[in-house]
Amino acid sequence: MDHNRSEEIKKHIKIYITVFVLLAVLTILTVTVSYMRLAILPAVIIALAIAMTKGSLVAGFFMHLFSEKKIIFVLLLFTILFFFTLLILPSLRH
């Protein structure tokens, strides 16, 4: 294995460890907020914000969505086209 490949692997491991630590901190924050006596609306807003952040970290880094943008956008475009095709097709039958 050459030196560049080894450095690249170390870089990825560092990113994964950082994301793992962030997820752990956000989980602790979630538990901490759950013990606060907040009104329903602020509690739900905070919980959703934390959950969205955690979901974004998992999807972006562990599922490689941040690094594979081109293929993701192509698939999203096909999904949107297929969705609208399914919406329009029933209206074409008379």
Protein backbone atom coordinates (compact mmCIF):
# COMPACT_ATOMS: atom_id res chain seq x y z
CA MET A 1 0.00 0.00 0.00
CA ASP A 2 1.44 3.35 -0.96
CA HIS A 3 1.77 6.32 1.39
CA ASN A 4 -1.01 8.40 -0.25
CA ARG A 5 -3.54 5.60 0.16
CA SER A 6 -2.58 5.19 3.81
CA GLU A 7 -3.01 8.92 4.46
CA GLU A 8 -6.39 8.87 2.75
CA ILE A 9 -7.56 6.01 4.95
CA LYS A 10 -6.36 7.82 8.08
CA LYS A 11 -8.26 10.92 6.94
CA HIS A 12 -11.49 8.91 6.53
CA ILE A 13 -11.05 7.24 9.92
CA LYS A 14 -10.58 10.64 11.56
CA ILE A 15 -13.79 11.89 9.92
CA TYR A 16 -15.75 8.81 11.06
CA ILE A 17 -14.48 9.13 14.62
CA THR A 18 -15.37 12.84 14.67
CA VAL A 19 -18.88 12.10 13.40
CA PHE A 20 -19.26 9.32 15.98
CA VAL A 21 -18.26 11.70 18.78
CA LEU A 22 -20.70 14.34 17.49
CA LEU A 23 -23.49 11.74 17.41
CA ALA A 24 -22.68 10.72 20.99
CA VAL A 25 -22.70 14.36 22.15
CA LEU A 26 -26.00 14.99 20.37
CA THR A 27 -27.49 11.87 21.98
CA ILE A 28 -26.41 13.12 25.42
CA LEU A 29 -27.91 16.51 24.53
CA THR A 30 -31.18 14.80 23.55
CA VAL A 31 -31.37 13.00 26.89
CA THR A 32 -30.48 16.21 28.76
CA VAL A 33 -33.19 18.19 26.98
CA SER A 34 -35.73 15.45 27.71
CA TYR A 35 -35.22 16.01 31.44
CA MET A 36 -35.76 19.79 31.16
CA ARG A 37 -39.23 21.00 31.95
CA LEU A 38 -39.95 22.65 28.60
CA ALA A 39 -43.29 23.41 27.06
CA ILE A 40 -44.38 21.00 24.34
CA LEU A 41 -43.65 23.22 21.33
CA PRO A 42 -40.07 24.20 22.27
CA ALA A 43 -39.34 20.62 23.34
CA VAL A 44 -40.54 19.25 19.99
CA ILE A 45 -38.64 21.90 18.01
CA ILE A 46 -35.40 21.18 19.90
CA ALA A 47 -35.87 17.41 19.60
CA LEU A 48 -36.51 17.67 15.85
CA ALA A 49 -33.51 19.95 15.34
CA ILE A 50 -31.24 17.49 17.14
CA ALA A 51 -32.73 14.53 15.26
CA MET A 52 -32.34 16.27 11.89
CA THR A 53 -28.72 17.09 12.69
CA LYS A 54 -27.99 13.50 13.67
CA GLY A 55 -29.79 12.18 10.59
CA SER A 56 -27.84 14.53 8.35
CA LEU A 57 -24.54 13.39 9.86
CA VAL A 58 -25.41 9.71 9.38
CA ALA A 59 -26.71 10.17 5.84
CA GLY A 60 -23.97 12.53 4.79
CA PHE A 61 -20.93 10.72 6.12
CA PHE A 62 -21.81 7.07 6.83
CA MET A 63 -23.99 6.75 3.73
CA HIS A 64 -21.55 8.88 1.66
CA LEU A 65 -24.20 11.31 0.43
CA PHE A 66 -21.90 14.32 0.85
CA SER A 67 -19.17 12.83 -1.34
CA GLU A 68 -21.34 11.32 -4.08
CA LYS A 69 -23.45 14.34 -5.00
CA LYS A 70 -23.59 13.82 -8.77
CA ILE A 71 -25.14 10.35 -8.68
CA ILE A 72 -27.51 11.40 -5.88
CA PHE A 73 -28.82 14.33 -7.93
CA VAL A 74 -29.25 12.13 -11.02
CA LEU A 75 -31.25 9.61 -8.99
CA LEU A 76 -33.28 12.41 -7.42
CA LEU A 77 -34.06 13.83 -10.86
CA PHE A 78 -35.28 10.42 -12.09
CA THR A 79 -37.39 10.05 -8.95
CA ILE A 80 -39.01 13.44 -9.49
CA LEU A 81 -39.68 12.69 -13.17
CA PHE A 82 -41.18 9.31 -12.30
CA PHE A 83 -43.32 10.87 -9.56
CA PHE A 84 -44.76 13.51 -11.88
CA THR A 85 -45.31 10.92 -14.60
CA LEU A 86 -47.38 8.88 -12.17
CA LEU A 87 -49.36 11.97 -11.23
CA ILE A 88 -50.05 12.95 -14.85
CA LEU A 89 -50.84 9.50 -16.31
CA PRO A 90 -54.24 9.07 -14.62
CA SER A 91 -55.39 12.46 -15.91
CA LEU A 92 -54.58 11.46 -19.52
CA ARG A 93 -57.16 8.64 -19.50
CA HIS A 94 -60.61 9.87 -20.43
